Amino acid sequence: MTTLKQQLVQKLEAISGIEHRPWPDRTDGFSAVRYRDKELAHFHNDHELDLKLTKSLIKQEGLKHYCDSKIHPKRSVNSPWIELRFTKSSDVDEIVRLVKIAVSKM
């Protein structure tokens, strides 16, 4: 696990009810993030989190689906899921903020 992913996992697990569940048979960085035993997000790799928000929250936050997505290249703009990439600490903080919004809507 990369340092940024470790930072993100640590910050997410500090949110009450969130649990990070690595998949032991996967070597590509895939792992689940659950909130009160429901899937909230999952890591595609060590630099990308797929988060379940809502279509309206994605629009409200001005988030866009990546046109170069390798995992979900044909994801509908109506999907409640959004891929979030993180390459620096400020990205980690922004993802934590979005996860807190998602948790508040569950």
N, C-alpha and C. Protein backbone atom coordinates (compact mmCIF):
# COMPACT_ATOMS: atom_id res chain seq x y z
N MET A 1 0.85 -1.18 0.00
CA MET A 1 0.00 0.00 0.00
C MET A 1 0.90 1.24 0.00
N THR A 2 0.57 2.20 -0.81
CA THR A 2 1.36 3.42 -0.89
C THR A 2 1.13 4.30 0.32
N THR A 3 2.01 5.23 0.52
CA THR A 3 1.89 6.14 1.66
C THR A 3 0.60 6.94 1.61
N LEU A 4 0.24 7.48 0.44
CA LEU A 4 -1.01 8.25 0.35
C LEU A 4 -2.22 7.38 0.63
N LYS A 5 -2.22 6.16 0.13
CA LYS A 5 -3.34 5.27 0.42
C LYS A 5 -3.39 4.96 1.91
N GLN A 6 -2.25 4.74 2.52
CA GLN A 6 -2.20 4.50 3.97
C GLN A 6 -2.77 5.69 4.72
N GLN A 7 -2.39 6.90 4.31
CA GLN A 7 -2.91 8.10 4.95
C GLN A 7 -4.43 8.17 4.81
N LEU A 8 -4.91 7.89 3.60
CA LEU A 8 -6.34 7.95 3.35
C LEU A 8 -7.09 6.90 4.17
N VAL A 9 -6.59 5.69 4.19
CA VAL A 9 -7.23 4.62 4.97
C VAL A 9 -7.27 5.00 6.44
N GLN A 10 -6.18 5.52 6.96
CA GLN A 10 -6.12 5.92 8.37
C GLN A 10 -7.16 7.00 8.67
N LYS A 11 -7.27 7.99 7.80
CA LYS A 11 -8.24 9.07 8.02
C LYS A 11 -9.68 8.57 7.87
N LEU A 12 -9.90 7.65 6.94
CA LEU A 12 -11.25 7.12 6.76
C LEU A 12 -11.66 6.27 7.97
N GLU A 13 -10.73 5.46 8.46
CA GLU A 13 -11.05 4.61 9.60
C GLU A 13 -11.27 5.41 10.88
N ALA A 14 -10.85 6.66 10.90
CA ALA A 14 -11.10 7.53 12.06
C ALA A 14 -12.55 8.01 12.08
N ILE A 15 -13.26 7.84 10.97
CA ILE A 15 -14.68 8.20 10.89
C ILE A 15 -15.47 7.04 11.49
N SER A 16 -16.28 7.33 12.47
CA SER A 16 -17.04 6.30 13.16
C SER A 16 -17.88 5.47 12.19
N GLY A 17 -17.74 4.15 12.28
CA GLY A 17 -18.53 3.25 11.46
C GLY A 17 -17.84 2.80 10.19
N ILE A 18 -16.68 3.37 9.85
CA ILE A 18 -16.00 3.00 8.62
C ILE A 18 -14.93 1.94 8.90
N GLU A 19 -14.89 0.97 7.99
CA GLU A 19 -13.91 -0.11 8.09
C GLU A 19 -13.30 -0.34 6.71
N HIS A 20 -11.98 -0.48 6.69
CA HIS A 20 -11.27 -0.80 5.45
C HIS A 20 -11.05 -2.31 5.43
N ARG A 21 -11.42 -2.94 4.32
CA ARG A 21 -11.28 -4.39 4.20
C ARG A 21 -10.46 -4.75 2.97
N PRO A 22 -9.17 -5.02 3.16
CA PRO A 22 -8.36 -5.48 2.03
C PRO A 22 -8.83 -6.86 1.55
N TRP A 23 -8.63 -7.13 0.31
CA TRP A 23 -8.93 -8.43 -0.26
C TRP A 23 -7.61 -9.18 -0.35
N PRO A 24 -7.39 -10.17 0.49
CA PRO A 24 -6.08 -10.83 0.57
C PRO A 24 -5.62 -11.49 -0.72
N ASP A 25 -6.54 -11.90 -1.57
CA ASP A 25 -6.16 -12.57 -2.82
C ASP A 25 -5.85 -11.61 -3.95
N ARG A 26 -6.01 -10.31 -3.72
CA ARG A 26 -5.77 -9.32 -4.77
C ARG A 26 -4.42 -8.66 -4.55
N THR A 27 -3.69 -8.45 -5.63
CA THR A 27 -2.38 -7.80 -5.55
C THR A 27 -2.36 -6.47 -6.27
N ASP A 28 -3.54 -6.03 -6.74
CA ASP A 28 -3.62 -4.80 -7.54
C ASP A 28 -4.03 -3.57 -6.72
N GLY A 29 -4.15 -3.74 -5.39
CA GLY A 29 -4.54 -2.61 -4.55
C GLY A 29 -6.02 -2.54 -4.28
N PHE A 30 -6.82 -3.44 -4.87
CA PHE A 30 -8.27 -3.42 -4.66
C PHE A 30 -8.58 -3.74 -3.21
N SER A 31 -9.46 -2.96 -2.62
CA SER A 31 -9.94 -3.20 -1.26
C SER A 31 -11.24 -2.44 -1.07
N ALA A 32 -12.01 -2.85 -0.07
CA ALA A 32 -13.33 -2.26 0.16
C ALA A 32 -13.30 -1.29 1.33
N VAL A 33 -14.17 -0.30 1.28
CA VAL A 33 -14.42 0.62 2.38
C VAL A 33 -15.90 0.48 2.70
N ARG A 34 -16.18 0.08 3.93
CA ARG A 34 -17.56 -0.18 4.33
C ARG A 34 -17.95 0.78 5.44
N TYR A 35 -19.23 1.15 5.43
CA TYR A 35 -19.78 1.98 6.49
C TYR A 35 -20.95 1.22 7.09
N ARG A 36 -20.83 0.91 8.36
CA ARG A 36 -21.87 0.12 9.05
C ARG A 36 -22.25 -1.11 8.24
N ASP A 37 -21.21 -1.79 7.77
CA ASP A 37 -21.30 -3.05 7.05
C ASP A 37 -21.95 -2.95 5.66
N LYS A 38 -22.01 -1.75 5.10
CA LYS A 38 -22.47 -1.56 3.72
C LYS A 38 -21.33 -0.96 2.91
N GLU A 39 -21.19 -1.41 1.67
CA GLU A 39 -20.12 -0.87 0.84
C GLU A 39 -20.39 0.60 0.55
N LEU A 40 -19.40 1.41 0.86
CA LEU A 40 -19.45 2.85 0.61
C LEU A 40 -18.50 3.22 -0.52
N ALA A 41 -17.40 2.50 -0.60
CA ALA A 41 -16.38 2.80 -1.59
C ALA A 41 -15.47 1.59 -1.75
N HIS A 42 -14.63 1.65 -2.77
CA HIS A 42 -13.59 0.64 -2.92
C HIS A 42 -12.41 1.26 -3.67
N PHE A 43 -11.25 0.79 -3.32
CA PHE A 43 -10.04 1.21 -4.01
C PHE A 43 -9.88 0.34 -5.25
N HIS A 44 -9.68 0.97 -6.38
CA HIS A 44 -9.36 0.22 -7.60
C HIS A 44 -7.90 -0.18 -7.60
N ASN A 45 -7.09 0.67 -7.02
CA ASN A 45 -5.64 0.48 -6.96
C ASN A 45 -5.12 1.36 -5.82
N ASP A 46 -3.87 1.68 -5.82
CA ASP A 46 -3.29 2.47 -4.73
C ASP A 46 -3.44 3.97 -4.89
N HIS A 47 -4.11 4.42 -5.96
CA HIS A 47 -4.26 5.86 -6.21
C HIS A 47 -5.64 6.27 -6.69
N GLU A 48 -6.63 5.39 -6.50
CA GLU A 48 -7.97 5.70 -6.98
C GLU A 48 -9.03 5.04 -6.09
N LEU A 49 -9.97 5.85 -5.65
CA LEU A 49 -11.09 5.38 -4.84
C LEU A 49 -12.37 5.60 -5.63
N ASP A 50 -13.21 4.59 -5.66
CA ASP A 50 -14.53 4.68 -6.29
C ASP A 50 -15.53 4.86 -5.16
N LEU A 51 -16.16 6.03 -5.08
CA LEU A 51 -17.02 6.40 -3.95
C LEU A 51 -18.48 6.47 -4.39
N LYS A 52 -19.35 5.91 -3.56
CA LYS A 52 -20.79 6.01 -3.83
C LYS A 52 -21.31 7.27 -3.16
N LEU A 53 -21.61 8.25 -3.98
CA LEU A 53 -22.25 9.49 -3.50
C LEU A 53 -23.70 9.40 -3.96
N THR A 54 -24.15 10.37 -4.64
CA THR A 54 -25.43 10.33 -5.36
C THR A 54 -25.23 11.16 -6.62
N LYS A 55 -26.09 10.96 -7.58
CA LYS A 55 -26.00 11.75 -8.81
C LYS A 55 -26.06 13.24 -8.49
N SER A 56 -26.96 13.63 -7.60
CA SER A 56 -27.11 15.05 -7.29
C SER A 56 -25.89 15.60 -6.54
N LEU A 57 -25.31 14.80 -5.64
CA LEU A 57 -24.11 15.27 -4.93
C LEU A 57 -22.91 15.39 -5.88
N ILE A 58 -22.80 14.46 -6.79
CA ILE A 58 -21.71 14.52 -7.78
C ILE A 58 -21.84 15.82 -8.58
N LYS A 59 -23.05 16.13 -8.99
CA LYS A 59 -23.29 17.37 -9.74
C LYS A 59 -23.05 18.60 -8.86
N GLN A 60 -23.59 18.57 -7.66
CA GLN A 60 -23.45 19.69 -6.72
C GLN A 60 -21.98 19.99 -6.42
N GLU A 61 -21.17 18.94 -6.29
CA GLU A 61 -19.75 19.11 -5.99
C GLU A 61 -18.91 19.42 -7.23
N GLY A 62 -19.53 19.38 -8.39
CA GLY A 62 -18.82 19.67 -9.63
C GLY A 62 -17.84 18.58 -10.04
N LEU A 63 -18.13 17.36 -9.64
CA LEU A 63 -17.24 16.24 -9.95
C LEU A 63 -17.55 15.72 -11.34
N LYS A 64 -16.53 15.27 -12.03
CA LYS A 64 -16.68 14.75 -13.39
C LYS A 64 -16.11 13.35 -13.47
N HIS A 65 -16.73 12.53 -14.30
CA HIS A 65 -16.23 11.19 -14.53
C HIS A 65 -15.00 11.29 -15.45
N TYR A 66 -13.97 10.52 -15.14
CA TYR A 66 -12.74 10.55 -15.94
C TYR A 66 -12.99 9.91 -17.30
N CYS A 67 -12.63 10.61 -18.34
CA CYS A 67 -12.80 10.06 -19.69
C CYS A 67 -11.74 9.01 -19.99
N ASP A 68 -10.66 8.99 -19.20
CA ASP A 68 -9.60 8.00 -19.40
C ASP A 68 -9.66 6.87 -18.36
N SER A 69 -10.82 6.67 -17.75
CA SER A 69 -10.97 5.63 -16.75
C SER A 69 -10.68 4.26 -17.35
N LYS A 70 -9.84 3.50 -16.66
CA LYS A 70 -9.53 2.14 -17.11
C LYS A 70 -10.53 1.13 -16.55
N ILE A 71 -11.12 1.44 -15.41
CA ILE A 71 -12.03 0.51 -14.75
C ILE A 71 -13.48 0.71 -15.20
N HIS A 72 -13.90 1.96 -15.32
CA HIS A 72 -15.28 2.26 -15.69
C HIS A 72 -15.33 3.27 -16.84
N PRO A 73 -14.80 2.90 -18.00
CA PRO A 73 -14.75 3.87 -19.11
C PRO A 73 -16.11 4.27 -19.66
N LYS A 74 -17.13 3.46 -19.43
CA LYS A 74 -18.46 3.76 -19.98
C LYS A 74 -19.48 4.02 -18.88
N ARG A 75 -19.01 4.45 -17.73
CA ARG A 75 -19.93 4.72 -16.62
C ARG A 75 -20.90 5.82 -17.01
N SER A 76 -22.14 5.61 -16.68
CA SER A 76 -23.19 6.58 -16.99
C SER A 76 -23.01 7.85 -16.16
N VAL A 77 -23.34 8.98 -16.74
CA VAL A 77 -23.30 10.24 -15.98
C VAL A 77 -24.37 10.23 -14.90
N ASN A 78 -25.30 9.30 -14.96
CA ASN A 78 -26.35 9.17 -13.96
C ASN A 78 -25.97 8.25 -12.80
N SER A 79 -24.78 7.70 -12.86
CA SER A 79 -24.33 6.77 -11.81
C SER A 79 -24.12 7.51 -10.49
N PRO A 80 -24.45 6.85 -9.37
CA PRO A 80 -24.18 7.45 -8.06
C PRO A 80 -22.73 7.24 -7.62
N TRP A 81 -21.93 6.56 -8.43
CA TRP A 81 -20.53 6.29 -8.12
C TRP A 81 -19.62 7.26 -8.88
N ILE A 82 -18.52 7.65 -8.23
CA ILE A 82 -17.56 8.54 -8.85
C ILE A 82 -16.14 8.09 -8.50
N GLU A 83 -15.29 8.03 -9.50
CA GLU A 83 -13.89 7.69 -9.27
C GLU A 83 -13.16 8.95 -8.82
N LEU A 84 -12.37 8.79 -7.78
CA LEU A 84 -11.58 9.90 -7.23
C LEU A 84 -10.12 9.49 -7.19
N ARG A 85 -9.28 10.22 -7.88
CA ARG A 85 -7.85 9.92 -7.90
C ARG A 85 -7.15 10.78 -6.86
N PHE A 86 -6.09 10.24 -6.28
CA PHE A 86 -5.34 11.00 -5.29
C PHE A 86 -3.84 10.83 -5.56
N THR A 87 -3.20 11.98 -5.70
CA THR A 87 -1.76 12.00 -5.97
C THR A 87 -1.00 12.90 -5.00
N LYS A 88 -1.75 13.60 -4.15
CA LYS A 88 -1.11 14.49 -3.17
C LYS A 88 -1.99 14.56 -1.92
N SER A 89 -1.44 15.06 -0.84
CA SER A 89 -2.13 15.11 0.45
C SER A 89 -3.44 15.88 0.38
N SER A 90 -3.48 16.95 -0.40
CA SER A 90 -4.72 17.72 -0.50
C SER A 90 -5.84 16.90 -1.15
N ASP A 91 -5.48 15.97 -2.05
CA ASP A 91 -6.48 15.07 -2.64
C ASP A 91 -7.06 14.16 -1.56
N VAL A 92 -6.20 13.67 -0.68
CA VAL A 92 -6.64 12.80 0.42
C VAL A 92 -7.64 13.55 1.29
N ASP A 93 -7.32 14.78 1.64
CA ASP A 93 -8.22 15.58 2.48
C ASP A 93 -9.56 15.83 1.80
N GLU A 94 -9.54 16.05 0.50
CA GLU A 94 -10.78 16.28 -0.25
C GLU A 94 -11.63 15.00 -0.28
N ILE A 95 -11.00 13.87 -0.45
CA ILE A 95 -11.73 12.60 -0.46
C ILE A 95 -12.36 12.35 0.91
N VAL A 96 -11.63 12.62 1.97
CA VAL A 96 -12.18 12.46 3.32
C VAL A 96 -13.41 13.34 3.49
N ARG A 97 -13.34 14.56 3.00
CA ARG A 97 -14.49 15.47 3.07
C ARG A 97 -15.69 14.88 2.33
N LEU A 98 -15.47 14.34 1.15
CA LEU A 98 -16.54 13.76 0.35
C LEU A 98 -17.10 12.50 1.02
N VAL A 99 -16.24 11.70 1.61
CA VAL A 99 -16.71 10.50 2.31
C VAL A 99 -17.59 10.90 3.50
N LYS A 100 -17.21 11.94 4.20
CA LYS A 100 -18.04 12.40 5.32
C LYS A 100 -19.42 12.85 4.84
N ILE A 101 -19.47 13.48 3.68
CA ILE A 101 -20.76 13.87 3.10
C ILE A 101 -21.56 12.61 2.76
N ALA A 102 -20.91 11.63 2.13
CA ALA A 102 -21.59 10.39 1.77
C ALA A 102 -22.15 9.69 3.01
N VAL A 103 -21.35 9.64 4.07
CA VAL A 103 -21.77 8.99 5.32
C VAL A 103 -22.99 9.72 5.90
N SER A 104 -22.99 11.03 5.83
CA SER A 104 -24.09 11.80 6.41
C SER A 104 -25.41 11.56 5.66
N LYS A 105 -25.32 11.09 4.42
CA LYS A 105 -26.51 10.83 3.60
C LYS A 105 -27.00 9.39 3.71
N MET A 106 -26.25 8.55 4.42
CA MET A 106 -26.63 7.13 4.54
C MET A 106 -27.56 6.90 5.70
